[in-house]
C-alpha atoms as a PDB file:
ATOM      1  CA  MET A   1     159.207  16.022  48.527  1.00  0.00           C
ATOM      2  CA  LYS A   2     159.804  12.309  47.961  1.00  0.00           C
ATOM      3  CA  ILE A   3     156.669  11.923  45.859  1.00  0.00           C
ATOM      4  CA  ASP A   4     157.833  14.660  43.458  1.00  0.00           C
ATOM      5  CA  GLU A   5     161.136  12.864  42.919  1.00  0.00           C
ATOM      6  CA  ILE A   6     159.361   9.608  42.184  1.00  0.00           C
ATOM      7  CA  LYS A   7     157.036  11.357  39.728  1.00  0.00           C
ATOM      8  CA  GLU A   8     160.048  12.817  37.906  1.00  0.00           C
ATOM      9  CA  ILE A   9     161.623   9.370  37.686  1.00  0.00           C
ATOM     10  CA  LEU A  10     158.323   8.005  36.409  1.00  0.00           C
ATOM     11  CA  ASN A  11     158.115  10.670  33.702  1.00  0.00           C
ATOM     12  CA  THR A  12     161.680   9.918  32.613  1.00  0.00           C
ATOM     13  CA  LEU A  13     160.916   6.198  32.444  1.00  0.00           C
ATOM     14  CA  ARG A  14     157.835   6.906  30.340  1.00  0.00           C
ATOM     15  CA  LEU A  15     159.956   8.985  27.960  1.00  0.00           C
ATOM     16  CA  PHE A  16     162.511   6.161  27.630  1.00  0.00           C
ATOM     17  CA  PHE A  17     159.648   3.718  27.078  1.00  0.00           C
ATOM     18  CA  SER A  18     158.248   5.838  24.228  1.00  0.00           C
ATOM     19  CA  ILE A  19     161.655   6.219  22.595  1.00  0.00           C
ATOM     20  CA  MET A  20     162.332   2.495  22.821  1.00  0.00           C
ATOM     21  CA  VAL A  21     158.946   1.615  21.316  1.00  0.00           C
ATOM     22  CA  GLY A  22     159.749   3.918  18.394  1.00  0.00           C
ATOM     23  CA  LEU A  23     163.179   2.346  17.951  1.00  0.00           C
ATOM     24  CA  ILE A  24     161.704  -1.144  18.047  1.00  0.00           C
ATOM     25  CA  ALA A  25     159.083  -0.226  15.427  1.00  0.00           C
ATOM     26  CA  LEU A  26     161.717   1.351  13.179  1.00  0.00           C
ATOM     27  CA  LEU A  27     164.176  -1.525  13.530  1.00  0.00           C
ATOM     28  CA  THR A  28     161.487  -4.171  13.047  1.00  0.00           C
ATOM     29  CA  SER A  29     160.260  -2.544   9.849  1.00  0.00           C
ATOM     30  CA  ALA A  30     163.838  -2.401   8.531  1.00  0.00           C
ATOM     31  CA  LEU A  31     164.329  -6.074   9.404  1.00  0.00           C
ATOM     32  CA  ILE A  32     161.101  -7.030   7.654  1.00  0.00           C
ATOM     33  CA  HIS A  33     162.248  -5.136   4.564  1.00  0.00           C
ATOM     34  CA  LYS A  34     165.648  -6.875   4.582  1.00  0.00           C
ATOM     35  CA  GLN A  35     163.936 -10.249   5.002  1.00  0.00           C
ATOM     36  CA  GLN A  36     161.591  -9.587   2.090  1.00  0.00           C
ATOM     37  CA  MET A  37     164.561  -8.668  -0.101  1.00  0.00           C
ATOM     38  CA  LEU A  38     166.217 -11.943   0.999  1.00  0.00           C
ATOM     39  CA  ASP A  39     169.158  -9.943   2.328  1.00  0.00           C
ATOM     40  CA  LEU A  40     169.940 -12.043   5.401  1.00  0.00           C
ATOM     41  CA  ASP A  41     173.466 -10.877   6.090  1.00  0.00           C
ATOM     42  CA  ILE A  42     175.244 -10.221   9.373  1.00  0.00           C
ATOM     43  CA  TYR A  43     173.487  -6.845   9.745  1.00  0.00           C
ATOM     44  CA  PHE A  44     170.124  -8.583   9.645  1.00  0.00           C
ATOM     45  CA  TRP A  45     171.084 -10.917  12.468  1.00  0.00           C
ATOM     46  CA  LEU A  46     172.660  -8.112  14.496  1.00  0.00           C
ATOM     47  CA  GLY A  47     169.409  -6.198  14.032  1.00  0.00           C
ATOM     48  CA  VAL A  48     167.422  -9.183  15.285  1.00  0.00           C
ATOM     49  CA  LEU A  49     169.609  -9.382  18.395  1.00  0.00           C
ATOM     50  CA  LEU A  50     169.306  -5.641  18.968  1.00  0.00           C
ATOM     51  CA  ASP A  51     165.531  -5.817  18.522  1.00  0.00           C
ATOM     52  CA  LEU A  52     165.261  -8.612  21.073  1.00  0.00           C
ATOM     53  CA  SER A  53     167.524  -6.710  23.475  1.00  0.00           C
ATOM     54  CA  LEU A  54     165.339  -3.622  23.189  1.00  0.00           C
ATOM     55  CA  ILE A  55     162.242  -5.707  23.892  1.00  0.00           C
ATOM     56  CA  VAL A  56     163.868  -7.127  27.028  1.00  0.00           C
ATOM     57  CA  GLY A  57     164.825  -3.582  28.018  1.00  0.00           C
ATOM     58  CA  LEU A  58     161.180  -2.583  27.631  1.00  0.00           C
ATOM     59  CA  LEU A  59     160.200  -5.261  30.105  1.00  0.00           C
ATOM     60  CA  PHE A  60     162.629  -3.862  32.666  1.00  0.00           C
ATOM     61  CA  ILE A  61     161.318  -0.341  32.124  1.00  0.00           C
ATOM     62  CA  LEU A  62     157.730  -1.545  32.483  1.00  0.00           C
ATOM     63  CA  ARG A  63     158.604  -3.274  35.745  1.00  0.00           C
ATOM     64  CA  SER A  64     160.259  -0.122  37.032  1.00  0.00           C
ATOM     65  CA  ILE A  65     157.245   1.994  36.030  1.00  0.00           C
ATOM     66  CA  LYS A  66     154.953  -0.432  37.821  1.00  0.00           C
ATOM     67  CA  ASN A  67     157.074  -0.331  40.977  1.00  0.00           C
ATOM     68  CA  ASN A  68     157.166   3.480  40.994  1.00  0.00           C
ATOM     69  CA  ILE A  69     153.389   3.647  40.593  1.00  0.00           C
ATOM     70  CA  LYS A  70     153.010   1.329  43.588  1.00  0.00           C
ATOM     71  CA  ILE A  71     155.321   3.555  45.639  1.00  0.00           C
ATOM     72  CA  ILE A  72     153.325   6.660  44.711  1.00  0.00           C
ATOM     73  CA  ARG A  73     150.066   4.929  45.679  1.00  0.00           C
ATOM     74  CA  SER A  74     151.501   3.888  49.037  1.00  0.00           C
ATOM     75  CA  LEU A  75     152.692   7.454  49.781  1.00  0.00           C
ATOM     76  CA  LYS A  76     149.294   9.039  49.150  1.00  0.00           C
END
């Protein structure tokens, strides 16, 4: 039963990973557009910080996915 729980967690992490990649792509394209329009206001810089935070979050999700895959391999 433990392996099924880990697989569910892994699927949820993969879903979060996909959503975050989409958010990063969307936010980055908006930031590029603002930069091209020379509209470097506070929202631009908040967007940059949010983009970087999402990228760091991706790294944590990737690490968690990797750890769960190792656990599944060790249980088989």
